[in-house]
Amino acid sequence: MPDFQPLSIAILTVSDTRTADTDKSGDYLAGAIQNADHNLAARAICRDDVYEIRAIISQWIADNAVQVIITTGGTGVTGRDITPDALMPLFDKTIEGFGELFRWLSFEEIGTSTVQSRAIAGLANQTYVFALPGSSGACRTAWEKILRSQLDNRHKPCNFSELIARLNE
């Protein structure tokens, strides 16, 4: 089995109301990333504003030191939920299966309410971007049931970590 290869992961919380003191989802993700022995490359909180989201994400996808970005918040269907709309124009490729798998797993936990989630993922400038809902439960589901294994180069038969290594060759 190959040695574990840590990734550099940035977290963006998208919210008009969360602060560093109240960002439970960001706290969960930061802890999970560090507990999995990955590097927390950056962490920020921004308002539900398309251009503010794009500015931060664009800066991170242009930074070769950031390999993965995880956002939390703004993936619902109400008026201020605009994270997927902000991110999709930045994607070179979308990862259709991520949102589908997330909603399927989430259905087991919250039933039909999962239909309101617009969780998405994509690849932008060789950086993986995952947009998760704002609840800490949703972040836990995504991390524990999808991202933890997919960001581990030892996971077989394939994983995003292997693809990151190939992209950087």
N, C-alpha and C. Protein backbone atom coordinates (compact mmCIF):
# COMPACT_ATOMS: atom_id res chain seq x y z
N MET A 1 0.85 -1.18 0.00
CA MET A 1 0.00 0.00 0.00
C MET A 1 0.90 1.25 0.00
N PRO A 2 0.55 2.23 -0.82
CA PRO A 2 1.39 3.45 -0.87
C PRO A 2 1.28 4.25 0.41
N ASP A 3 2.26 5.10 0.65
CA ASP A 3 2.22 6.01 1.80
C ASP A 3 1.13 7.06 1.57
N PHE A 4 0.53 7.51 2.64
CA PHE A 4 -0.49 8.55 2.58
C PHE A 4 0.13 9.85 2.06
N GLN A 5 -0.57 10.50 1.15
CA GLN A 5 -0.12 11.78 0.59
C GLN A 5 -1.11 12.87 1.01
N PRO A 6 -0.74 13.72 1.95
CA PRO A 6 -1.68 14.77 2.39
C PRO A 6 -1.92 15.79 1.28
N LEU A 7 -3.14 16.33 1.27
CA LEU A 7 -3.52 17.37 0.33
C LEU A 7 -3.66 18.69 1.06
N SER A 8 -3.54 19.78 0.31
CA SER A 8 -3.76 21.13 0.86
C SER A 8 -5.18 21.53 0.50
N ILE A 9 -5.99 21.75 1.53
CA ILE A 9 -7.42 21.97 1.35
C ILE A 9 -7.82 23.31 1.97
N ALA A 10 -8.58 24.10 1.21
CA ALA A 10 -9.10 25.39 1.68
C ALA A 10 -10.60 25.26 1.94
N ILE A 11 -11.09 26.00 2.93
CA ILE A 11 -12.51 25.97 3.30
C ILE A 11 -13.08 27.38 3.20
N LEU A 12 -14.21 27.49 2.49
CA LEU A 12 -14.93 28.76 2.42
C LEU A 12 -16.35 28.55 2.95
N THR A 13 -16.70 29.29 3.99
CA THR A 13 -18.07 29.29 4.51
C THR A 13 -18.79 30.47 3.87
N VAL A 14 -19.92 30.18 3.24
CA VAL A 14 -20.72 31.21 2.58
C VAL A 14 -21.96 31.45 3.42
N SER A 15 -22.04 32.65 4.01
CA SER A 15 -23.16 32.94 4.90
C SER A 15 -23.23 34.43 5.18
N ASP A 16 -24.46 34.94 5.27
CA ASP A 16 -24.66 36.33 5.68
C ASP A 16 -24.67 36.47 7.20
N THR A 17 -24.72 35.35 7.92
CA THR A 17 -24.89 35.43 9.37
C THR A 17 -23.77 34.76 10.17
N ARG A 18 -23.04 33.86 9.60
CA ARG A 18 -22.02 33.14 10.37
C ARG A 18 -20.78 34.01 10.59
N THR A 19 -20.18 33.79 11.75
CA THR A 19 -18.93 34.45 12.10
C THR A 19 -17.93 33.36 12.48
N ALA A 20 -16.70 33.76 12.75
CA ALA A 20 -15.69 32.80 13.17
C ALA A 20 -16.13 32.06 14.44
N ASP A 21 -16.90 32.73 15.29
CA ASP A 21 -17.37 32.11 16.54
C ASP A 21 -18.56 31.18 16.34
N THR A 22 -19.32 31.36 15.26
CA THR A 22 -20.54 30.57 15.07
C THR A 22 -20.48 29.63 13.85
N ASP A 23 -19.34 29.51 13.24
CA ASP A 23 -19.20 28.70 12.03
C ASP A 23 -18.96 27.23 12.38
N LYS A 24 -20.00 26.53 12.80
CA LYS A 24 -19.87 25.13 13.21
C LYS A 24 -19.51 24.22 12.04
N SER A 25 -20.06 24.50 10.86
CA SER A 25 -19.74 23.66 9.69
C SER A 25 -18.28 23.83 9.28
N GLY A 26 -17.81 25.06 9.24
CA GLY A 26 -16.40 25.30 8.94
C GLY A 26 -15.49 24.68 9.98
N ASP A 27 -15.89 24.78 11.24
CA ASP A 27 -15.10 24.16 12.32
C ASP A 27 -15.04 22.65 12.14
N TYR A 28 -16.20 22.06 11.82
CA TYR A 28 -16.22 20.60 11.62
C TYR A 28 -15.26 20.22 10.48
N LEU A 29 -15.40 20.90 9.34
CA LEU A 29 -14.56 20.56 8.19
C LEU A 29 -13.08 20.76 8.48
N ALA A 30 -12.73 21.86 9.15
CA ALA A 30 -11.32 22.11 9.48
C ALA A 30 -10.78 20.99 10.36
N GLY A 31 -11.56 20.59 11.36
CA GLY A 31 -11.13 19.51 12.24
C GLY A 31 -11.02 18.18 11.51
N ALA A 32 -11.99 17.89 10.65
CA ALA A 32 -11.97 16.63 9.90
C ALA A 32 -10.77 16.57 8.96
N ILE A 33 -10.48 17.67 8.31
CA ILE A 33 -9.33 17.75 7.40
C ILE A 33 -8.03 17.50 8.16
N GLN A 34 -7.89 18.16 9.29
CA GLN A 34 -6.67 18.00 10.07
C GLN A 34 -6.58 16.62 10.71
N ASN A 35 -7.72 16.07 11.17
CA ASN A 35 -7.72 14.72 11.74
C ASN A 35 -7.36 13.66 10.71
N ALA A 36 -7.64 13.94 9.44
CA ALA A 36 -7.28 13.02 8.36
C ALA A 36 -5.85 13.25 7.87
N ASP A 37 -5.12 14.13 8.55
CA ASP A 37 -3.71 14.45 8.25
C ASP A 37 -3.50 15.21 6.96
N HIS A 38 -4.56 15.89 6.48
CA HIS A 38 -4.39 16.81 5.36
C HIS A 38 -3.99 18.17 5.92
N ASN A 39 -3.60 19.08 5.04
CA ASN A 39 -3.19 20.43 5.44
C ASN A 39 -4.34 21.40 5.19
N LEU A 40 -4.65 22.22 6.19
CA LEU A 40 -5.64 23.27 6.02
C LEU A 40 -4.91 24.46 5.39
N ALA A 41 -5.10 24.65 4.11
CA ALA A 41 -4.36 25.66 3.35
C ALA A 41 -4.87 27.07 3.61
N ALA A 42 -6.19 27.21 3.80
CA ALA A 42 -6.79 28.52 4.02
C ALA A 42 -8.21 28.30 4.53
N ARG A 43 -8.73 29.33 5.16
CA ARG A 43 -10.12 29.29 5.63
C ARG A 43 -10.65 30.71 5.63
N ALA A 44 -11.88 30.86 5.13
CA ALA A 44 -12.49 32.19 5.07
C ALA A 44 -14.01 32.06 5.20
N ILE A 45 -14.62 33.19 5.53
CA ILE A 45 -16.07 33.33 5.56
C ILE A 45 -16.41 34.51 4.68
N CYS A 46 -17.42 34.35 3.83
CA CYS A 46 -17.86 35.47 3.02
C CYS A 46 -19.38 35.49 2.93
N ARG A 47 -19.91 36.64 2.53
CA ARG A 47 -21.35 36.82 2.38
C ARG A 47 -21.87 36.03 1.18
N ASP A 48 -23.17 35.86 1.14
CA ASP A 48 -23.83 35.23 -0.02
C ASP A 48 -23.82 36.25 -1.16
N ASP A 49 -22.67 36.43 -1.78
CA ASP A 49 -22.50 37.38 -2.85
C ASP A 49 -21.70 36.70 -3.96
N VAL A 50 -22.28 36.62 -5.13
CA VAL A 50 -21.65 35.91 -6.25
C VAL A 50 -20.22 36.37 -6.48
N TYR A 51 -19.98 37.66 -6.49
CA TYR A 51 -18.66 38.18 -6.85
C TYR A 51 -17.66 38.00 -5.72
N GLU A 52 -18.11 38.08 -4.49
CA GLU A 52 -17.21 37.83 -3.36
C GLU A 52 -16.79 36.35 -3.34
N ILE A 53 -17.75 35.46 -3.56
CA ILE A 53 -17.44 34.03 -3.62
C ILE A 53 -16.45 33.77 -4.75
N ARG A 54 -16.75 34.29 -5.94
CA ARG A 54 -15.86 34.05 -7.09
C ARG A 54 -14.47 34.62 -6.87
N ALA A 55 -14.38 35.76 -6.22
CA ALA A 55 -13.06 36.37 -5.99
C ALA A 55 -12.20 35.47 -5.10
N ILE A 56 -12.77 34.98 -4.02
CA ILE A 56 -12.01 34.13 -3.10
C ILE A 56 -11.65 32.81 -3.77
N ILE A 57 -12.64 32.17 -4.39
CA ILE A 57 -12.40 30.88 -5.04
C ILE A 57 -11.39 31.04 -6.17
N SER A 58 -11.51 32.09 -6.96
CA SER A 58 -10.57 32.32 -8.06
C SER A 58 -9.14 32.48 -7.55
N GLN A 59 -8.99 33.18 -6.44
CA GLN A 59 -7.65 33.34 -5.85
C GLN A 59 -7.09 31.98 -5.45
N TRP A 60 -7.92 31.14 -4.86
CA TRP A 60 -7.45 29.83 -4.41
C TRP A 60 -7.18 28.90 -5.59
N ILE A 61 -8.02 28.94 -6.63
CA ILE A 61 -7.76 28.03 -7.75
C ILE A 61 -6.53 28.48 -8.56
N ALA A 62 -6.15 29.73 -8.43
CA ALA A 62 -4.93 30.22 -9.09
C ALA A 62 -3.68 29.91 -8.27
N ASP A 63 -3.86 29.51 -7.02
CA ASP A 63 -2.76 29.22 -6.11
C ASP A 63 -2.39 27.74 -6.24
N ASN A 64 -1.22 27.44 -6.76
CA ASN A 64 -0.80 26.05 -6.95
C ASN A 64 -0.68 25.28 -5.64
N ALA A 65 -0.61 25.98 -4.53
CA ALA A 65 -0.50 25.31 -3.23
C ALA A 65 -1.85 24.77 -2.75
N VAL A 66 -2.95 25.22 -3.33
CA VAL A 66 -4.29 24.74 -2.94
C VAL A 66 -4.72 23.69 -3.96
N GLN A 67 -4.97 22.48 -3.47
CA GLN A 67 -5.36 21.38 -4.35
C GLN A 67 -6.86 21.09 -4.32
N VAL A 68 -7.50 21.41 -3.20
CA VAL A 68 -8.92 21.12 -3.01
C VAL A 68 -9.55 22.31 -2.29
N ILE A 69 -10.77 22.65 -2.69
CA ILE A 69 -11.55 23.69 -2.01
C ILE A 69 -12.88 23.08 -1.63
N ILE A 70 -13.29 23.30 -0.39
CA ILE A 70 -14.61 22.87 0.07
C ILE A 70 -15.35 24.10 0.54
N THR A 71 -16.53 24.33 -0.04
CA THR A 71 -17.38 25.42 0.44
C THR A 71 -18.53 24.82 1.23
N THR A 72 -19.04 25.59 2.16
CA THR A 72 -20.21 25.17 2.93
C THR A 72 -21.17 26.35 2.98
N GLY A 73 -22.42 26.08 2.63
CA GLY A 73 -23.45 27.11 2.66
C GLY A 73 -23.84 27.60 1.28
N GLY A 74 -25.09 28.05 1.20
CA GLY A 74 -25.59 28.67 -0.02
C GLY A 74 -25.96 27.72 -1.13
N THR A 75 -26.23 26.44 -0.81
CA THR A 75 -26.55 25.47 -1.85
C THR A 75 -28.04 25.14 -1.93
N GLY A 76 -28.87 25.86 -1.18
CA GLY A 76 -30.30 25.58 -1.19
C GLY A 76 -30.99 26.23 -2.38
N VAL A 77 -32.29 26.44 -2.24
CA VAL A 77 -33.08 26.97 -3.36
C VAL A 77 -33.71 28.33 -3.06
N THR A 78 -33.41 28.92 -1.91
CA THR A 78 -33.98 30.22 -1.60
C THR A 78 -33.21 31.33 -2.30
N GLY A 79 -33.70 32.55 -2.20
CA GLY A 79 -33.14 33.69 -2.93
C GLY A 79 -31.67 33.97 -2.68
N ARG A 80 -31.19 33.79 -1.46
CA ARG A 80 -29.79 34.11 -1.14
C ARG A 80 -28.85 32.93 -1.37
N ASP A 81 -29.37 31.78 -1.72
CA ASP A 81 -28.55 30.58 -1.95
C ASP A 81 -28.00 30.61 -3.37
N ILE A 82 -26.75 31.08 -3.52
CA ILE A 82 -26.19 31.30 -4.85
C ILE A 82 -24.81 30.66 -5.04
N THR A 83 -24.38 29.85 -4.10
CA THR A 83 -23.03 29.28 -4.23
C THR A 83 -22.85 28.47 -5.52
N PRO A 84 -23.75 27.53 -5.86
CA PRO A 84 -23.54 26.79 -7.12
C PRO A 84 -23.51 27.72 -8.34
N ASP A 85 -24.36 28.74 -8.33
CA ASP A 85 -24.40 29.68 -9.45
C ASP A 85 -23.10 30.47 -9.56
N ALA A 86 -22.49 30.76 -8.42
CA ALA A 86 -21.21 31.48 -8.43
C ALA A 86 -20.07 30.58 -8.91
N LEU A 87 -20.12 29.30 -8.55
CA LEU A 87 -19.01 28.40 -8.86
C LEU A 87 -19.03 27.82 -10.26
N MET A 88 -20.20 27.50 -10.76
CA MET A 88 -20.27 26.76 -12.02
C MET A 88 -19.55 27.42 -13.19
N PRO A 89 -19.59 28.75 -13.34
CA PRO A 89 -18.83 29.35 -14.44
C PRO A 89 -17.31 29.19 -14.30
N LEU A 90 -16.84 28.89 -13.09
CA LEU A 90 -15.40 28.72 -12.86
C LEU A 90 -14.93 27.31 -13.20
N PHE A 91 -15.85 26.36 -13.29
CA PHE A 91 -15.48 24.96 -13.51
C PHE A 91 -15.04 24.71 -14.95
N ASP A 92 -13.94 23.97 -15.08
CA ASP A 92 -13.53 23.45 -16.38
C ASP A 92 -14.31 22.18 -16.68
N LYS A 93 -14.60 21.41 -15.62
CA LYS A 93 -15.39 20.19 -15.72
C LYS A 93 -16.25 20.09 -14.47
N THR A 94 -17.45 19.56 -14.63
CA THR A 94 -18.29 19.27 -13.47
C THR A 94 -18.16 17.78 -13.13
N ILE A 95 -18.37 17.49 -11.87
CA ILE A 95 -18.36 16.10 -11.40
C ILE A 95 -19.80 15.78 -11.03
N GLU A 96 -20.56 15.38 -12.03
CA GLU A 96 -22.00 15.16 -11.86
C GLU A 96 -22.32 14.19 -10.73
N GLY A 97 -21.57 13.13 -10.62
CA GLY A 97 -21.86 12.10 -9.64
C GLY A 97 -21.76 12.56 -8.20
N PHE A 98 -21.01 13.63 -7.92
CA PHE A 98 -20.86 14.06 -6.54
C PHE A 98 -22.20 14.50 -5.95
N GLY A 99 -22.88 15.41 -6.62
CA GLY A 99 -24.16 15.89 -6.11
C GLY A 99 -25.19 14.78 -6.02
N GLU A 100 -25.19 13.92 -7.02
CA GLU A 100 -26.13 12.79 -7.03
C GLU A 100 -25.87 11.87 -5.85
N LEU A 101 -24.61 11.51 -5.62
CA LEU A 101 -24.26 10.64 -4.51
C LEU A 101 -24.56 11.30 -3.18
N PHE A 102 -24.23 12.59 -3.05
CA PHE A 102 -24.50 13.30 -1.80
C PHE A 102 -26.00 13.27 -1.49
N ARG A 103 -26.83 13.58 -2.46
CA ARG A 103 -28.28 13.58 -2.22
C ARG A 103 -28.80 12.18 -1.89
N TRP A 104 -28.25 11.16 -2.52
CA TRP A 104 -28.66 9.79 -2.23
C TRP A 104 -28.32 9.43 -0.78
N LEU A 105 -27.09 9.75 -0.37
CA LEU A 105 -26.68 9.48 1.01
C LEU A 105 -27.48 10.31 2.00
N SER A 106 -27.72 11.56 1.66
CA SER A 106 -28.47 12.46 2.51
C SER A 106 -29.92 12.02 2.67
N PHE A 107 -30.49 11.44 1.63
CA PHE A 107 -31.87 10.94 1.68
C PHE A 107 -32.04 9.95 2.83
N GLU A 108 -31.03 9.12 3.06
CA GLU A 108 -31.09 8.15 4.15
C GLU A 108 -31.18 8.84 5.51
N GLU A 109 -30.71 10.09 5.59
CA GLU A 109 -30.69 10.82 6.86
C GLU A 109 -31.84 11.80 7.02
N ILE A 110 -32.19 12.52 5.92
CA ILE A 110 -33.21 13.58 6.06
C ILE A 110 -34.40 13.41 5.12
N GLY A 111 -34.46 12.28 4.46
CA GLY A 111 -35.60 12.01 3.60
C GLY A 111 -35.67 12.94 2.40
N THR A 112 -36.89 13.24 2.00
CA THR A 112 -37.08 14.02 0.78
C THR A 112 -36.59 15.46 0.86
N SER A 113 -36.27 15.94 2.04
CA SER A 113 -35.72 17.30 2.15
C SER A 113 -34.42 17.45 1.39
N THR A 114 -33.76 16.34 1.10
CA THR A 114 -32.50 16.40 0.35
C THR A 114 -32.67 16.96 -1.05
N VAL A 115 -33.90 16.92 -1.58
CA VAL A 115 -34.14 17.44 -2.93
C VAL A 115 -33.84 18.94 -3.01
N GLN A 116 -33.83 19.61 -1.87
CA GLN A 116 -33.55 21.05 -1.86
C GLN A 116 -32.06 21.38 -1.89
N SER A 117 -31.21 20.37 -1.84
CA SER A 117 -29.76 20.60 -1.87
C SER A 117 -29.25 20.66 -3.30
N ARG A 118 -28.46 21.69 -3.59
CA ARG A 118 -27.80 21.80 -4.89
C ARG A 118 -26.30 21.59 -4.73
N ALA A 119 -25.91 20.63 -3.87
CA ALA A 119 -24.50 20.31 -3.70
C ALA A 119 -23.91 19.96 -5.06
N ILE A 120 -22.74 20.52 -5.35
CA ILE A 120 -22.09 20.28 -6.64
C ILE A 120 -20.59 20.13 -6.44
N ALA A 121 -19.92 19.68 -7.49
CA ALA A 121 -18.46 19.60 -7.47
C ALA A 121 -17.95 19.80 -8.90
N GLY A 122 -16.71 20.24 -8.97
CA GLY A 122 -16.10 20.43 -10.27
C GLY A 122 -14.59 20.57 -10.17
N LEU A 123 -13.99 20.66 -11.32
CA LEU A 123 -12.55 20.85 -11.43
C LEU A 123 -12.30 22.20 -12.08
N ALA A 124 -11.48 23.02 -11.44
CA ALA A 124 -11.17 24.35 -11.95
C ALA A 124 -9.66 24.56 -11.84
N ASN A 125 -9.00 24.72 -12.97
CA ASN A 125 -7.55 24.93 -12.99
C ASN A 125 -6.82 23.84 -12.19
N GLN A 126 -7.23 22.60 -12.38
CA GLN A 126 -6.64 21.44 -11.71
C GLN A 126 -6.85 21.46 -10.19
N THR A 127 -7.85 22.19 -9.73
CA THR A 127 -8.22 22.24 -8.32
C THR A 127 -9.63 21.68 -8.18
N TYR A 128 -9.81 20.74 -7.27
CA TYR A 128 -11.14 20.20 -7.02
C TYR A 128 -11.91 21.15 -6.12
N VAL A 129 -13.17 21.40 -6.48
CA VAL A 129 -14.04 22.30 -5.71
C VAL A 129 -15.32 21.53 -5.38
N PHE A 130 -15.65 21.48 -4.10
CA PHE A 130 -16.85 20.80 -3.62
C PHE A 130 -17.71 21.81 -2.87
N ALA A 131 -18.97 21.94 -3.27
CA ALA A 131 -19.90 22.87 -2.62
C ALA A 131 -20.90 22.06 -1.81
N LEU A 132 -20.84 22.22 -0.49
CA LEU A 132 -21.68 21.48 0.44
C LEU A 132 -22.73 22.40 1.06
N PRO A 133 -23.83 21.83 1.51
CA PRO A 133 -24.80 22.64 2.27
C PRO A 133 -24.17 23.20 3.53
N GLY A 134 -24.88 24.14 4.15
CA GLY A 134 -24.34 24.82 5.32
C GLY A 134 -24.51 24.13 6.65
N SER A 135 -25.30 23.08 6.72
CA SER A 135 -25.49 22.42 8.01
C SER A 135 -24.29 21.54 8.34
N SER A 136 -23.96 21.47 9.61
CA SER A 136 -22.83 20.63 10.01
C SER A 136 -23.14 19.16 9.75
N GLY A 137 -24.41 18.76 9.83
CA GLY A 137 -24.77 17.38 9.51
C GLY A 137 -24.49 17.05 8.06
N ALA A 138 -24.83 17.97 7.16
CA ALA A 138 -24.56 17.75 5.74
C ALA A 138 -23.06 17.69 5.48
N CYS A 139 -22.30 18.56 6.13
CA CYS A 139 -20.84 18.54 5.97
C CYS A 139 -20.27 17.23 6.48
N ARG A 140 -20.79 16.73 7.59
CA ARG A 140 -20.34 15.45 8.14
C ARG A 140 -20.65 14.32 7.15
N THR A 141 -21.86 14.31 6.61
CA THR A 141 -22.23 13.28 5.63
C THR A 141 -21.29 13.30 4.44
N ALA A 142 -21.06 14.48 3.88
CA ALA A 142 -20.19 14.60 2.70
C ALA A 142 -18.77 14.17 3.02
N TRP A 143 -18.25 14.60 4.17
CA TRP A 143 -16.87 14.26 4.52
C TRP A 143 -16.73 12.77 4.80
N GLU A 144 -17.56 12.27 5.70
CA GLU A 144 -17.39 10.89 6.16
C GLU A 144 -17.76 9.86 5.10
N LYS A 145 -18.73 10.16 4.26
CA LYS A 145 -19.22 9.15 3.32
C LYS A 145 -18.71 9.32 1.89
N ILE A 146 -18.07 10.46 1.60
CA ILE A 146 -17.54 10.65 0.24
C ILE A 146 -16.10 11.18 0.28
N LEU A 147 -15.92 12.36 0.83
CA LEU A 147 -14.65 13.07 0.65
C LEU A 147 -13.47 12.43 1.39
N ARG A 148 -13.68 11.95 2.59
CA ARG A 148 -12.56 11.38 3.34
C ARG A 148 -11.86 10.28 2.54
N SER A 149 -12.63 9.37 1.96
CA SER A 149 -12.01 8.29 1.19
C SER A 149 -11.53 8.77 -0.17
N GLN A 150 -12.30 9.63 -0.84
CA GLN A 150 -11.91 10.09 -2.17
C GLN A 150 -10.69 11.01 -2.16
N LEU A 151 -10.39 11.60 -1.02
CA LEU A 151 -9.20 12.45 -0.91
C LEU A 151 -8.02 11.71 -0.28
N ASP A 152 -8.15 10.40 -0.16
CA ASP A 152 -7.09 9.56 0.39
C ASP A 152 -6.50 8.73 -0.75
N ASN A 153 -5.25 8.92 -1.06
CA ASN A 153 -4.60 8.25 -2.18
C ASN A 153 -4.55 6.74 -2.01
N ARG A 154 -4.83 6.22 -0.84
CA ARG A 154 -4.80 4.78 -0.62
C ARG A 154 -6.14 4.11 -0.93
N HIS A 155 -7.18 4.92 -1.15
CA HIS A 155 -8.52 4.37 -1.43
C HIS A 155 -8.56 3.76 -2.83
N LYS A 156 -9.05 2.54 -2.92
CA LYS A 156 -9.12 1.83 -4.19
C LYS A 156 -10.56 1.51 -4.52
N PRO A 157 -10.96 1.42 -5.77
CA PRO A 157 -10.10 1.31 -6.95
C PRO A 157 -9.60 2.65 -7.49
N CYS A 158 -10.22 3.77 -7.10
CA CYS A 158 -9.73 5.06 -7.57
C CYS A 158 -10.13 6.14 -6.57
N ASN A 159 -9.49 7.29 -6.70
CA ASN A 159 -9.75 8.41 -5.79
C ASN A 159 -9.32 9.71 -6.44
N PHE A 160 -9.82 10.82 -5.89
CA PHE A 160 -9.45 12.13 -6.43
C PHE A 160 -7.99 12.46 -6.18
N SER A 161 -7.42 11.94 -5.10
CA SER A 161 -6.02 12.20 -4.79
C SER A 161 -5.10 11.70 -5.90
N GLU A 162 -5.38 10.50 -6.42
CA GLU A 162 -4.60 9.97 -7.54
C GLU A 162 -4.69 10.89 -8.75
N LEU A 163 -5.89 11.39 -8.99
CA LEU A 163 -6.09 12.28 -10.13
C LEU A 163 -5.34 13.60 -9.95
N ILE A 164 -5.29 14.09 -8.72
CA ILE A 164 -4.54 15.32 -8.45
C ILE A 164 -3.07 15.10 -8.78
N ALA A 165 -2.52 13.96 -8.38
CA ALA A 165 -1.12 13.66 -8.67
C ALA A 165 -0.87 13.61 -10.18
N ARG A 166 -1.81 12.99 -10.92
CA ARG A 166 -1.66 12.92 -12.38
C ARG A 166 -1.76 14.29 -13.03
N LEU A 167 -2.67 15.13 -12.51
CA LEU A 167 -2.83 16.47 -13.08
C LEU A 167 -1.57 17.30 -12.90
N ASN A 168 -0.86 17.06 -11.80
CA ASN A 168 0.32 17.87 -11.50
C ASN A 168 1.60 17.31 -12.09
N GLU A 169 1.52 16.20 -12.84
CA GLU A 169 2.72 15.63 -13.46
C GLU A 169 3.17 16.46 -14.65
